[in-house]
Amino acid sequence: DATLAQVKTAKLNLIDLAGSERGAVTQNRGIRLVEGANINRSLLALGNCINALSGKTEATFVPYRDSKLTRLLKDSLGGNCNTVMITTVSPSHTSFEESINTLKYASRAKKIKN
């Protein structure tokens, strides 16, 4: 009797979202400014996917193809996966607005229904 071996596979995505990059606050110029704009574009695309998956919008289409980041996270966001989002906030009053926005972003991600 030949026994069949069962093989399980897993996929692990670790992605540092790097936070929003505000050009005026960071005073970045040139390549760094372009890099910050690309980070913001990816975060916006991820936010659109999160909104569509959490039922916040009436959209039935999830725009995974809008950025490389959302294409990488497609299985984690809308698939049969366990996903953890770790957020970091600052206790400083100078970072209050960014901390609130980060918590709102994470709260929307928590509402994703697959």
PDB file of N, CA and C in Angstrom:
ATOM      1  N   ASP A   1       0.829  -1.192   0.000  1.00  0.00           N
ATOM      2  CA  ASP A   1       0.000   0.000   0.000  1.00  0.00           C
ATOM      3  C   ASP A   1       0.872   1.253   0.000  1.00  0.00           C
ATOM      4  N   ALA A   2       0.634   2.050  -0.943  1.00  0.00           N
ATOM      5  CA  ALA A   2       1.357   3.327  -1.013  1.00  0.00           C
ATOM      6  C   ALA A   2       0.541   4.378  -0.267  1.00  0.00           C
ATOM      7  N   THR A   3       1.194   5.077   0.626  1.00  0.00           N
ATOM      8  CA  THR A   3       0.495   6.147   1.349  1.00  0.00           C
ATOM      9  C   THR A   3       0.830   7.475   0.694  1.00  0.00           C
ATOM     10  N   LEU A   4      -0.147   8.329   0.660  1.00  0.00           N
ATOM     11  CA  LEU A   4       0.063   9.650   0.077  1.00  0.00           C
ATOM     12  C   LEU A   4       0.478  10.628   1.154  1.00  0.00           C
ATOM     13  N   ALA A   5       1.526  11.318   0.886  1.00  0.00           N
ATOM     14  CA  ALA A   5       1.998  12.339   1.833  1.00  0.00           C
ATOM     15  C   ALA A   5       1.235  13.628   1.582  1.00  0.00           C
ATOM     16  N   GLN A   6       0.834  14.258   2.649  1.00  0.00           N
ATOM     17  CA  GLN A   6       0.116  15.523   2.525  1.00  0.00           C
ATOM     18  C   GLN A   6       1.109  16.672   2.721  1.00  0.00           C
ATOM     19  N   VAL A   7       1.109  17.585   1.770  1.00  0.00           N
ATOM     20  CA  VAL A   7       2.037  18.710   1.816  1.00  0.00           C
ATOM     21  C   VAL A   7       1.238  19.983   2.015  1.00  0.00           C
ATOM     22  N   LYS A   8       1.631  20.768   2.988  1.00  0.00           N
ATOM     23  CA  LYS A   8       1.011  22.066   3.217  1.00  0.00           C
ATOM     24  C   LYS A   8       2.001  23.149   2.847  1.00  0.00           C
ATOM     25  N   THR A   9       1.501  24.176   2.212  1.00  0.00           N
ATOM     26  CA  THR A   9       2.358  25.293   1.857  1.00  0.00           C
ATOM     27  C   THR A   9       1.821  26.548   2.532  1.00  0.00           C
ATOM     28  N   ALA A  10       2.695  27.484   2.738  1.00  0.00           N
ATOM     29  CA  ALA A  10       2.306  28.750   3.366  1.00  0.00           C
ATOM     30  C   ALA A  10       3.039  29.894   2.671  1.00  0.00           C
ATOM     31  N   LYS A  11       2.479  31.053   2.828  1.00  0.00           N
ATOM     32  CA  LYS A  11       3.068  32.254   2.238  1.00  0.00           C
ATOM     33  C   LYS A  11       3.091  33.316   3.332  1.00  0.00           C
ATOM     34  N   LEU A  12       4.219  33.968   3.502  1.00  0.00           N
ATOM     35  CA  LEU A  12       4.358  34.998   4.519  1.00  0.00           C
ATOM     36  C   LEU A  12       4.772  36.299   3.852  1.00  0.00           C
ATOM     37  N   ASN A  13       3.958  37.338   4.038  1.00  0.00           N
ATOM     38  CA  ASN A  13       4.275  38.669   3.521  1.00  0.00           C
ATOM     39  C   ASN A  13       4.568  39.581   4.697  1.00  0.00           C
ATOM     40  N   LEU A  14       5.738  40.176   4.713  1.00  0.00           N
ATOM     41  CA  LEU A  14       6.081  41.195   5.698  1.00  0.00           C
ATOM     42  C   LEU A  14       6.334  42.483   4.921  1.00  0.00           C
ATOM     43  N   ILE A  15       5.495  43.469   5.153  1.00  0.00           N
ATOM     44  CA  ILE A  15       5.598  44.704   4.385  1.00  0.00           C
ATOM     45  C   ILE A  15       5.602  45.884   5.340  1.00  0.00           C
ATOM     46  N   ASP A  16       6.594  46.730   5.202  1.00  0.00           N
ATOM     47  CA  ASP A  16       6.686  47.960   5.977  1.00  0.00           C
ATOM     48  C   ASP A  16       6.068  49.068   5.139  1.00  0.00           C
ATOM     49  N   LEU A  17       4.932  49.584   5.580  1.00  0.00           N
ATOM     50  CA  LEU A  17       4.231  50.595   4.796  1.00  0.00           C
ATOM     51  C   LEU A  17       4.867  51.971   4.903  1.00  0.00           C
ATOM     52  N   ALA A  18       5.760  52.168   5.825  1.00  0.00           N
ATOM     53  CA  ALA A  18       6.586  53.370   5.937  1.00  0.00           C
ATOM     54  C   ALA A  18       5.825  54.644   6.270  1.00  0.00           C
ATOM     55  N   GLY A  19       4.542  54.596   6.448  1.00  0.00           N
ATOM     56  CA  GLY A  19       3.783  55.786   6.823  1.00  0.00           C
ATOM     57  C   GLY A  19       3.619  56.760   5.687  1.00  0.00           C
ATOM     58  N   SER A  20       2.790  57.741   5.914  1.00  0.00           N
ATOM     59  CA  SER A  20       2.584  58.741   4.872  1.00  0.00           C
ATOM     60  C   SER A  20       3.808  59.640   4.806  1.00  0.00           C
ATOM     61  N   GLU A  21       4.122  60.046   3.635  1.00  0.00           N
ATOM     62  CA  GLU A  21       5.294  60.890   3.430  1.00  0.00           C
ATOM     63  C   GLU A  21       4.826  62.278   3.020  1.00  0.00           C
ATOM     64  N   ARG A  22       4.871  63.203   3.933  1.00  0.00           N
ATOM     65  CA  ARG A  22       4.476  64.571   3.631  1.00  0.00           C
ATOM     66  C   ARG A  22       5.708  65.366   3.249  1.00  0.00           C
ATOM     67  N   GLY A  23       5.721  65.826   2.001  1.00  0.00           N
ATOM     68  CA  GLY A  23       6.881  66.551   1.482  1.00  0.00           C
ATOM     69  C   GLY A  23       7.198  67.806   2.259  1.00  0.00           C
ATOM     70  N   ALA A  24       6.179  68.528   2.696  1.00  0.00           N
ATOM     71  CA  ALA A  24       6.400  69.778   3.416  1.00  0.00           C
ATOM     72  C   ALA A  24       7.028  69.533   4.789  1.00  0.00           C
ATOM     73  N   VAL A  25       6.605  68.436   5.445  1.00  0.00           N
ATOM     74  CA  VAL A  25       7.109  68.141   6.785  1.00  0.00           C
ATOM     75  C   VAL A  25       8.525  67.584   6.723  1.00  0.00           C
ATOM     76  N   THR A  26       8.763  66.663   5.795  1.00  0.00           N
ATOM     77  CA  THR A  26      10.075  66.021   5.716  1.00  0.00           C
ATOM     78  C   THR A  26      11.100  66.857   4.967  1.00  0.00           C
ATOM     79  N   GLN A  27      10.640  67.859   4.240  1.00  0.00           N
ATOM     80  CA  GLN A  27      11.493  68.734   3.439  1.00  0.00           C
ATOM     81  C   GLN A  27      12.352  67.947   2.449  1.00  0.00           C
ATOM     82  N   ASN A  28      11.796  66.864   1.928  1.00  0.00           N
ATOM     83  CA  ASN A  28      12.505  66.068   0.932  1.00  0.00           C
ATOM     84  C   ASN A  28      12.501  66.774  -0.410  1.00  0.00           C
ATOM     85  N   ARG A  29      13.540  66.554  -1.161  1.00  0.00           N
ATOM     86  CA  ARG A  29      13.676  67.119  -2.493  1.00  0.00           C
ATOM     87  C   ARG A  29      14.182  66.038  -3.440  1.00  0.00           C
ATOM     88  N   GLY A  30      13.942  66.233  -4.720  1.00  0.00           N
ATOM     89  CA  GLY A  30      14.483  65.350  -5.740  1.00  0.00           C
ATOM     90  C   GLY A  30      13.966  63.931  -5.645  1.00  0.00           C
ATOM     91  N   ILE A  31      14.889  62.976  -5.600  1.00  0.00           N
ATOM     92  CA  ILE A  31      14.544  61.557  -5.612  1.00  0.00           C
ATOM     93  C   ILE A  31      13.719  61.173  -4.386  1.00  0.00           C
ATOM     94  N   ARG A  32      14.067  61.705  -3.233  1.00  0.00           N
ATOM     95  CA  ARG A  32      13.322  61.400  -2.001  1.00  0.00           C
ATOM     96  C   ARG A  32      11.873  61.874  -2.086  1.00  0.00           C
ATOM     97  N   LEU A  33      11.648  63.016  -2.718  1.00  0.00           N
ATOM     98  CA  LEU A  33      10.298  63.540  -2.882  1.00  0.00           C
ATOM     99  C   LEU A  33       9.481  62.623  -3.798  1.00  0.00           C
ATOM    100  N   VAL A  34      10.092  62.157  -4.870  1.00  0.00           N
ATOM    101  CA  VAL A  34       9.429  61.228  -5.792  1.00  0.00           C
ATOM    102  C   VAL A  34       9.132  59.910  -5.088  1.00  0.00           C
ATOM    103  N   GLU A  35      10.082  59.421  -4.300  1.00  0.00           N
ATOM    104  CA  GLU A  35       9.895  58.188  -3.539  1.00  0.00           C
ATOM    105  C   GLU A  35       8.725  58.337  -2.562  1.00  0.00           C
ATOM    106  N   GLY A  36       8.642  59.464  -1.877  1.00  0.00           N
ATOM    107  CA  GLY A  36       7.541  59.722  -0.959  1.00  0.00           C
ATOM    108  C   GLY A  36       6.204  59.762  -1.671  1.00  0.00           C
ATOM    109  N   ALA A  37       6.169  60.342  -2.863  1.00  0.00           N
ATOM    110  CA  ALA A  37       4.935  60.389  -3.652  1.00  0.00           C
ATOM    111  C   ALA A  37       4.510  58.977  -4.061  1.00  0.00           C
ATOM    112  N   ASN A  38       5.466  58.130  -4.394  1.00  0.00           N
ATOM    113  CA  ASN A  38       5.147  56.743  -4.751  1.00  0.00           C
ATOM    114  C   ASN A  38       4.605  55.968  -3.556  1.00  0.00           C
ATOM    115  N   ILE A  39       5.183  56.204  -2.375  1.00  0.00           N
ATOM    116  CA  ILE A  39       4.673  55.565  -1.158  1.00  0.00           C
ATOM    117  C   ILE A  39       3.233  55.993  -0.917  1.00  0.00           C
ATOM    118  N   ASN A  40       2.955  57.281  -1.043  1.00  0.00           N
ATOM    119  CA  ASN A  40       1.596  57.778  -0.835  1.00  0.00           C
ATOM    120  C   ASN A  40       0.621  57.187  -1.851  1.00  0.00           C
ATOM    121  N   ARG A  41       1.063  57.034  -3.092  1.00  0.00           N
ATOM    122  CA  ARG A  41       0.206  56.457  -4.137  1.00  0.00           C
ATOM    123  C   ARG A  41      -0.142  55.010  -3.787  1.00  0.00           C
ATOM    124  N   SER A  42       0.843  54.249  -3.303  1.00  0.00           N
ATOM    125  CA  SER A  42       0.602  52.862  -2.916  1.00  0.00           C
ATOM    126  C   SER A  42      -0.328  52.776  -1.707  1.00  0.00           C
ATOM    127  N   LEU A  43      -0.133  53.675  -0.739  1.00  0.00           N
ATOM    128  CA  LEU A  43      -1.005  53.680   0.437  1.00  0.00           C
ATOM    129  C   LEU A  43      -2.438  54.042   0.064  1.00  0.00           C
ATOM    130  N   LEU A  44      -2.607  54.950  -0.886  1.00  0.00           N
ATOM    131  CA  LEU A  44      -3.942  55.307  -1.357  1.00  0.00           C
ATOM    132  C   LEU A  44      -4.601  54.120  -2.044  1.00  0.00           C
ATOM    133  N   ALA A  45      -3.861  53.414  -2.883  1.00  0.00           N
ATOM    134  CA  ALA A  45      -4.398  52.234  -3.562  1.00  0.00           C
ATOM    135  C   ALA A  45      -4.768  51.149  -2.551  1.00  0.00           C
ATOM    136  N   LEU A  46      -3.932  50.957  -1.537  1.00  0.00           N
ATOM    137  CA  LEU A  46      -4.239  49.985  -0.494  1.00  0.00           C
ATOM    138  C   LEU A  46      -5.492  50.402   0.275  1.00  0.00           C
ATOM    139  N   GLY A  47      -5.611  51.682   0.567  1.00  0.00           N
ATOM    140  CA  GLY A  47      -6.805  52.187   1.243  1.00  0.00           C
ATOM    141  C   GLY A  47      -8.064  51.961   0.421  1.00  0.00           C
ATOM    142  N   ASN A  48      -7.971  52.119  -0.901  1.00  0.00           N
ATOM    143  CA  ASN A  48      -9.124  51.863  -1.773  1.00  0.00           C
ATOM    144  C   ASN A  48      -9.533  50.394  -1.738  1.00  0.00           C
ATOM    145  N   CYS A  49      -8.553  49.494  -1.713  1.00  0.00           N
ATOM    146  CA  CYS A  49      -8.849  48.060  -1.605  1.00  0.00           C
ATOM    147  C   CYS A  49      -9.489  47.743  -0.256  1.00  0.00           C
ATOM    148  N   ILE A  50      -8.948  48.326   0.805  1.00  0.00           N
ATOM    149  CA  ILE A  50      -9.491  48.108   2.144  1.00  0.00           C
ATOM    150  C   ILE A  50     -10.931  48.601   2.213  1.00  0.00           C
ATOM    151  N   ASN A  51     -11.206  49.775   1.643  1.00  0.00           N
ATOM    152  CA  ASN A  51     -12.572  50.304   1.635  1.00  0.00           C
ATOM    153  C   ASN A  51     -13.529  49.372   0.895  1.00  0.00           C
ATOM    154  N   ALA A  52     -13.095  48.861  -0.258  1.00  0.00           N
ATOM    155  CA  ALA A  52     -13.947  47.969  -1.035  1.00  0.00           C
ATOM    156  C   ALA A  52     -14.203  46.653  -0.297  1.00  0.00           C
ATOM    157  N   LEU A  53     -13.194  46.116   0.385  1.00  0.00           N
ATOM    158  CA  LEU A  53     -13.338  44.844   1.091  1.00  0.00           C
ATOM    159  C   LEU A  53     -14.075  44.968   2.422  1.00  0.00           C
ATOM    160  N   SER A  54     -14.049  46.147   3.013  1.00  0.00           N
ATOM    161  CA  SER A  54     -14.694  46.324   4.320  1.00  0.00           C
ATOM    162  C   SER A  54     -16.155  46.718   4.191  1.00  0.00           C
ATOM    163  N   GLY A  55     -16.606  46.916   2.957  1.00  0.00           N
ATOM    164  CA  GLY A  55     -18.004  47.278   2.752  1.00  0.00           C
ATOM    165  C   GLY A  55     -18.273  48.749   2.947  1.00  0.00           C
ATOM    166  N   LYS A  56     -17.229  49.552   3.071  1.00  0.00           N
ATOM    167  CA  LYS A  56     -17.408  50.991   3.268  1.00  0.00           C
ATOM    168  C   LYS A  56     -17.966  51.652   2.016  1.00  0.00           C
ATOM    169  N   THR A  57     -17.626  51.094   0.865  1.00  0.00           N
ATOM    170  CA  THR A  57     -18.156  51.613  -0.394  1.00  0.00           C
ATOM    171  C   THR A  57     -19.087  50.573  -0.999  1.00  0.00           C
ATOM    172  N   GLU A  58     -19.892  50.988  -1.941  1.00  0.00           N
ATOM    173  CA  GLU A  58     -20.824  50.080  -2.610  1.00  0.00           C
ATOM    174  C   GLU A  58     -20.151  49.316  -3.747  1.00  0.00           C
ATOM    175  N   ALA A  59     -18.875  49.546  -3.937  1.00  0.00           N
ATOM    176  CA  ALA A  59     -18.161  48.923  -5.049  1.00  0.00           C
ATOM    177  C   ALA A  59     -18.076  47.414  -4.876  1.00  0.00           C
ATOM    178  N   THR A  60     -18.352  46.690  -5.953  1.00  0.00           N
ATOM    179  CA  THR A  60     -18.179  45.239  -5.933  1.00  0.00           C
ATOM    180  C   THR A  60     -16.814  44.865  -6.496  1.00  0.00           C
ATOM    181  N   PHE A  61     -16.167  45.814  -7.142  1.00  0.00           N
ATOM    182  CA  PHE A  61     -14.846  45.604  -7.726  1.00  0.00           C
ATOM    183  C   PHE A  61     -13.772  46.052  -6.743  1.00  0.00           C
ATOM    184  N   VAL A  62     -12.780  45.219  -6.526  1.00  0.00           N
ATOM    185  CA  VAL A  62     -11.658  45.561  -5.648  1.00  0.00           C
ATOM    186  C   VAL A  62     -10.454  45.883  -6.532  1.00  0.00           C
ATOM    187  N   PRO A  63      -9.935  47.105  -6.471  1.00  0.00           N
ATOM    188  CA  PRO A  63      -8.873  47.542  -7.393  1.00  0.00           C
ATOM    189  C   PRO A  63      -7.472  47.069  -7.003  1.00  0.00           C
ATOM    190  N   TYR A  64      -7.253  45.752  -7.050  1.00  0.00           N
ATOM    191  CA  TYR A  64      -5.944  45.204  -6.697  1.00  0.00           C
ATOM    192  C   TYR A  64      -4.854  45.618  -7.677  1.00  0.00           C
ATOM    193  N   ARG A  65      -5.205  45.894  -8.925  1.00  0.00           N
ATOM    194  CA  ARG A  65      -4.202  46.164  -9.955  1.00  0.00           C
ATOM    195  C   ARG A  65      -3.706  47.605  -9.953  1.00  0.00           C
ATOM    196  N   ASP A  66      -4.170  48.422  -9.014  1.00  0.00           N
ATOM    197  CA  ASP A  66      -3.794  49.835  -9.004  1.00  0.00           C
ATOM    198  C   ASP A  66      -2.361  50.091  -8.549  1.00  0.00           C
ATOM    199  N   SER A  67      -1.748  49.141  -7.873  1.00  0.00           N
ATOM    200  CA  SER A  67      -0.353  49.324  -7.457  1.00  0.00           C
ATOM    201  C   SER A  67       0.319  47.971  -7.255  1.00  0.00           C
ATOM    202  N   LYS A  68       1.633  47.988  -7.235  1.00  0.00           N
ATOM    203  CA  LYS A  68       2.390  46.759  -6.980  1.00  0.00           C
ATOM    204  C   LYS A  68       2.102  46.237  -5.578  1.00  0.00           C
ATOM    205  N   LEU A  69       1.945  47.159  -4.631  1.00  0.00           N
ATOM    206  CA  LEU A  69       1.677  46.776  -3.246  1.00  0.00           C
ATOM    207  C   LEU A  69       0.373  45.992  -3.133  1.00  0.00           C
ATOM    208  N   THR A  70      -0.685  46.478  -3.754  1.00  0.00           N
ATOM    209  CA  THR A  70      -1.974  45.784  -3.638  1.00  0.00           C
ATOM    210  C   THR A  70      -1.964  44.463  -4.393  1.00  0.00           C
ATOM    211  N   ARG A  71      -1.184  44.383  -5.473  1.00  0.00           N
ATOM    212  CA  ARG A  71      -1.053  43.093  -6.167  1.00  0.00           C
ATOM    213  C   ARG A  71      -0.335  42.081  -5.277  1.00  0.00           C
ATOM    214  N   LEU A  72       0.689  42.531  -4.555  1.00  0.00           N
ATOM    215  CA  LEU A  72       1.408  41.637  -3.634  1.00  0.00           C
ATOM    216  C   LEU A  72       0.513  41.174  -2.483  1.00  0.00           C
ATOM    217  N   LEU A  73      -0.338  42.069  -2.014  1.00  0.00           N
ATOM    218  CA  LEU A  73      -1.172  41.770  -0.843  1.00  0.00           C
ATOM    219  C   LEU A  73      -2.544  41.198  -1.194  1.00  0.00           C
ATOM    220  N   LYS A  74      -2.796  40.917  -2.458  1.00  0.00           N
ATOM    221  CA  LYS A  74      -4.115  40.451  -2.887  1.00  0.00           C
ATOM    222  C   LYS A  74      -4.577  39.225  -2.096  1.00  0.00           C
ATOM    223  N   ASP A  75      -3.723  38.215  -1.965  1.00  0.00           N
ATOM    224  CA  ASP A  75      -4.096  37.007  -1.223  1.00  0.00           C
ATOM    225  C   ASP A  75      -4.310  37.295   0.256  1.00  0.00           C
ATOM    226  N   SER A  76      -3.485  38.169   0.805  1.00  0.00           N
ATOM    227  CA  SER A  76      -3.597  38.494   2.229  1.00  0.00           C
ATOM    228  C   SER A  76      -4.863  39.285   2.537  1.00  0.00           C
ATOM    229  N   LEU A  77      -5.259  40.150   1.617  1.00  0.00           N
ATOM    230  CA  LEU A  77      -6.432  40.995   1.855  1.00  0.00           C
ATOM    231  C   LEU A  77      -7.740  40.290   1.542  1.00  0.00           C
ATOM    232  N   GLY A  78      -7.814  39.652   0.395  1.00  0.00           N
ATOM    233  CA  GLY A  78      -9.091  39.118  -0.044  1.00  0.00           C
ATOM    234  C   GLY A  78      -9.147  37.616  -0.127  1.00  0.00           C
ATOM    235  N   GLY A  79      -8.104  36.946   0.253  1.00  0.00           N
ATOM    236  CA  GLY A  79      -8.061  35.494   0.147  1.00  0.00           C
ATOM    237  C   GLY A  79      -8.407  34.811   1.453  1.00  0.00           C
ATOM    238  N   ASN A  80      -8.115  33.545   1.502  1.00  0.00           N
ATOM    239  CA  ASN A  80      -8.379  32.733   2.685  1.00  0.00           C
ATOM    240  C   ASN A  80      -7.122  32.733   3.557  1.00  0.00           C
ATOM    241  N   CYS A  81      -6.843  33.885   4.169  1.00  0.00           N
ATOM    242  CA  CYS A  81      -5.602  34.060   4.925  1.00  0.00           C
ATOM    243  C   CYS A  81      -5.873  34.683   6.287  1.00  0.00           C
ATOM    244  N   ASN A  82      -4.953  34.462   7.167  1.00  0.00           N
ATOM    245  CA  ASN A  82      -4.937  35.199   8.423  1.00  0.00           C
ATOM    246  C   ASN A  82      -3.999  36.381   8.227  1.00  0.00           C
ATOM    247  N   THR A  83      -4.491  37.568   8.484  1.00  0.00           N
ATOM    248  CA  THR A  83      -3.707  38.777   8.246  1.00  0.00           C
ATOM    249  C   THR A  83      -3.605  39.588   9.527  1.00  0.00           C
ATOM    250  N   VAL A  84      -2.424  40.087   9.793  1.00  0.00           N
ATOM    251  CA  VAL A  84      -2.186  40.930  10.952  1.00  0.00           C
ATOM    252  C   VAL A  84      -1.625  42.253  10.458  1.00  0.00           C
ATOM    253  N   MET A  85      -2.173  43.339  10.971  1.00  0.00           N
ATOM    254  CA  MET A  85      -1.641  44.660  10.641  1.00  0.00           C
ATOM    255  C   MET A  85      -1.165  45.290  11.942  1.00  0.00           C
ATOM    256  N   ILE A  86       0.102  45.617  11.999  1.00  0.00           N
ATOM    257  CA  ILE A  86       0.674  46.242  13.193  1.00  0.00           C
ATOM    258  C   ILE A  86       0.883  47.717  12.885  1.00  0.00           C
ATOM    259  N   THR A  87       0.335  48.555  13.713  1.00  0.00           N
ATOM    260  CA  THR A  87       0.493  49.994  13.514  1.00  0.00           C
ATOM    261  C   THR A  87       1.316  50.581  14.656  1.00  0.00           C
ATOM    262  N   THR A  88       2.032  51.622  14.336  1.00  0.00           N
ATOM    263  CA  THR A  88       2.845  52.312  15.327  1.00  0.00           C
ATOM    264  C   THR A  88       2.441  53.775  15.349  1.00  0.00           C
ATOM    265  N   VAL A  89       2.176  54.276  16.543  1.00  0.00           N
ATOM    266  CA  VAL A  89       1.808  55.683  16.695  1.00  0.00           C
ATOM    267  C   VAL A  89       2.786  56.354  17.650  1.00  0.00           C
ATOM    268  N   SER A  90       2.822  57.659  17.566  1.00  0.00           N
ATOM    269  CA  SER A  90       3.741  58.425  18.397  1.00  0.00           C
ATOM    270  C   SER A  90       2.973  59.110  19.529  1.00  0.00           C
ATOM    271  N   PRO A  91       3.539  59.140  20.725  1.00  0.00           N
ATOM    272  CA  PRO A  91       2.887  59.857  21.821  1.00  0.00           C
ATOM    273  C   PRO A  91       3.085  61.376  21.755  1.00  0.00           C
ATOM    274  N   SER A  92       3.907  61.817  20.821  1.00  0.00           N
ATOM    275  CA  SER A  92       4.222  63.235  20.717  1.00  0.00           C
ATOM    276  C   SER A  92       3.039  64.027  20.174  1.00  0.00           C
ATOM    277  N   HIS A  93       2.795  65.196  20.736  1.00  0.00           N
ATOM    278  CA  HIS A  93       1.694  66.040  20.268  1.00  0.00           C
ATOM    279  C   HIS A  93       1.948  66.556  18.857  1.00  0.00           C
ATOM    280  N   THR A  94       3.203  66.592  18.446  1.00  0.00           N
ATOM    281  CA  THR A  94       3.512  67.055  17.094  1.00  0.00           C
ATOM    282  C   THR A  94       3.115  66.027  16.030  1.00  0.00           C
ATOM    283  N   SER A  95       2.923  64.777  16.432  1.00  0.00           N
ATOM    284  CA  SER A  95       2.534  63.712  15.511  1.00  0.00           C
ATOM    285  C   SER A  95       1.088  63.291  15.704  1.00  0.00           C
ATOM    286  N   PHE A  96       0.306  64.098  16.390  1.00  0.00           N
ATOM    287  CA  PHE A  96      -1.067  63.735  16.721  1.00  0.00           C
ATOM    288  C   PHE A  96      -1.892  63.411  15.480  1.00  0.00           C
ATOM    289  N   GLU A  97      -1.858  64.287  14.485  1.00  0.00           N
ATOM    290  CA  GLU A  97      -2.681  64.087  13.285  1.00  0.00           C
ATOM    291  C   GLU A  97      -2.294  62.798  12.549  1.00  0.00           C
ATOM    292  N   GLU A  98      -1.006  62.546  12.417  1.00  0.00           N
ATOM    293  CA  GLU A  98      -0.555  61.328  11.745  1.00  0.00           C
ATOM    294  C   GLU A  98      -0.933  60.084  12.537  1.00  0.00           C
ATOM    295  N   SER A  99      -0.863  60.166  13.869  1.00  0.00           N
ATOM    296  CA  SER A  99      -1.245  59.026  14.703  1.00  0.00           C
ATOM    297  C   SER A  99      -2.733  58.722  14.560  1.00  0.00           C
ATOM    298  N   ILE A 100      -3.573  59.752  14.539  1.00  0.00           N
ATOM    299  CA  ILE A 100      -5.019  59.558  14.360  1.00  0.00           C
ATOM    300  C   ILE A 100      -5.304  58.934  13.000  1.00  0.00           C
ATOM    301  N   ASN A 101      -4.654  59.440  11.955  1.00  0.00           N
ATOM    302  CA  ASN A 101      -4.856  58.882  10.616  1.00  0.00           C
ATOM    303  C   ASN A 101      -4.417  57.422  10.537  1.00  0.00           C
ATOM    304  N   THR A 102      -3.327  57.089  11.210  1.00  0.00           N
ATOM    305  CA  THR A 102      -2.845  55.704  11.242  1.00  0.00           C
ATOM    306  C   THR A 102      -3.859  54.801  11.919  1.00  0.00           C
ATOM    307  N   LEU A 103      -4.426  55.253  13.033  1.00  0.00           N
ATOM    308  CA  LEU A 103      -5.425  54.449  13.746  1.00  0.00           C
ATOM    309  C   LEU A 103      -6.713  54.289  12.934  1.00  0.00           C
ATOM    310  N   LYS A 104      -7.105  55.321  12.211  1.00  0.00           N
ATOM    311  CA  LYS A 104      -8.283  55.218  11.335  1.00  0.00           C
ATOM    312  C   LYS A 104      -8.033  54.205  10.220  1.00  0.00           C
ATOM    313  N   TYR A 105      -6.850  54.236   9.654  1.00  0.00           N
ATOM    314  CA  TYR A 105      -6.464  53.315   8.584  1.00  0.00           C
ATOM    315  C   TYR A 105      -6.536  51.872   9.092  1.00  0.00           C
ATOM    316  N   ALA A 106      -5.962  51.630  10.267  1.00  0.00           N
ATOM    317  CA  ALA A 106      -5.967  50.290  10.851  1.00  0.00           C
ATOM    318  C   ALA A 106      -7.380  49.851  11.209  1.00  0.00           C
ATOM    319  N   SER A 107      -8.203  50.769  11.665  1.00  0.00           N
ATOM    320  CA  SER A 107      -9.585  50.452  12.006  1.00  0.00           C
ATOM    321  C   SER A 107     -10.361  50.007  10.768  1.00  0.00           C
ATOM    322  N   ARG A 108     -10.131  50.682   9.648  1.00  0.00           N
ATOM    323  CA  ARG A 108     -10.786  50.272   8.387  1.00  0.00           C
ATOM    324  C   ARG A 108     -10.310  48.882   7.970  1.00  0.00           C
ATOM    325  N   ALA A 109      -9.018  48.617   8.127  1.00  0.00           N
ATOM    326  CA  ALA A 109      -8.475  47.307   7.751  1.00  0.00           C
ATOM    327  C   ALA A 109      -9.076  46.196   8.614  1.00  0.00           C
ATOM    328  N   LYS A 110      -9.362  46.497   9.851  1.00  0.00           N
ATOM    329  CA  LYS A 110      -9.937  45.517  10.769  1.00  0.00           C
ATOM    330  C   LYS A 110     -11.337  45.079  10.327  1.00  0.00           C
ATOM    331  N   LYS A 111     -12.019  45.931   9.565  1.00  0.00           N
ATOM    332  CA  LYS A 111     -13.402  45.645   9.150  1.00  0.00           C
ATOM    333  C   LYS A 111     -13.506  44.850   7.858  1.00  0.00           C
ATOM    334  N   ILE A 112     -12.388  44.385   7.326  1.00  0.00           N
ATOM    335  CA  ILE A 112     -12.417  43.607   6.081  1.00  0.00           C
ATOM    336  C   ILE A 112     -13.184  42.302   6.303  1.00  0.00           C
ATOM    337  N   LYS A 113     -14.098  42.037   5.390  1.00  0.00           N
ATOM    338  CA  LYS A 113     -14.887  40.798   5.423  1.00  0.00           C
ATOM    339  C   LYS A 113     -14.585  40.024   4.155  1.00  0.00           C
ATOM    340  N   ASN A 114     -14.179  38.775   4.313  1.00  0.00           N
ATOM    341  CA  ASN A 114     -13.902  37.920   3.133  1.00  0.00           C
ATOM    342  C   ASN A 114     -15.044  36.954   2.936  1.00  0.00           C
TER     343      ASN A 114
END
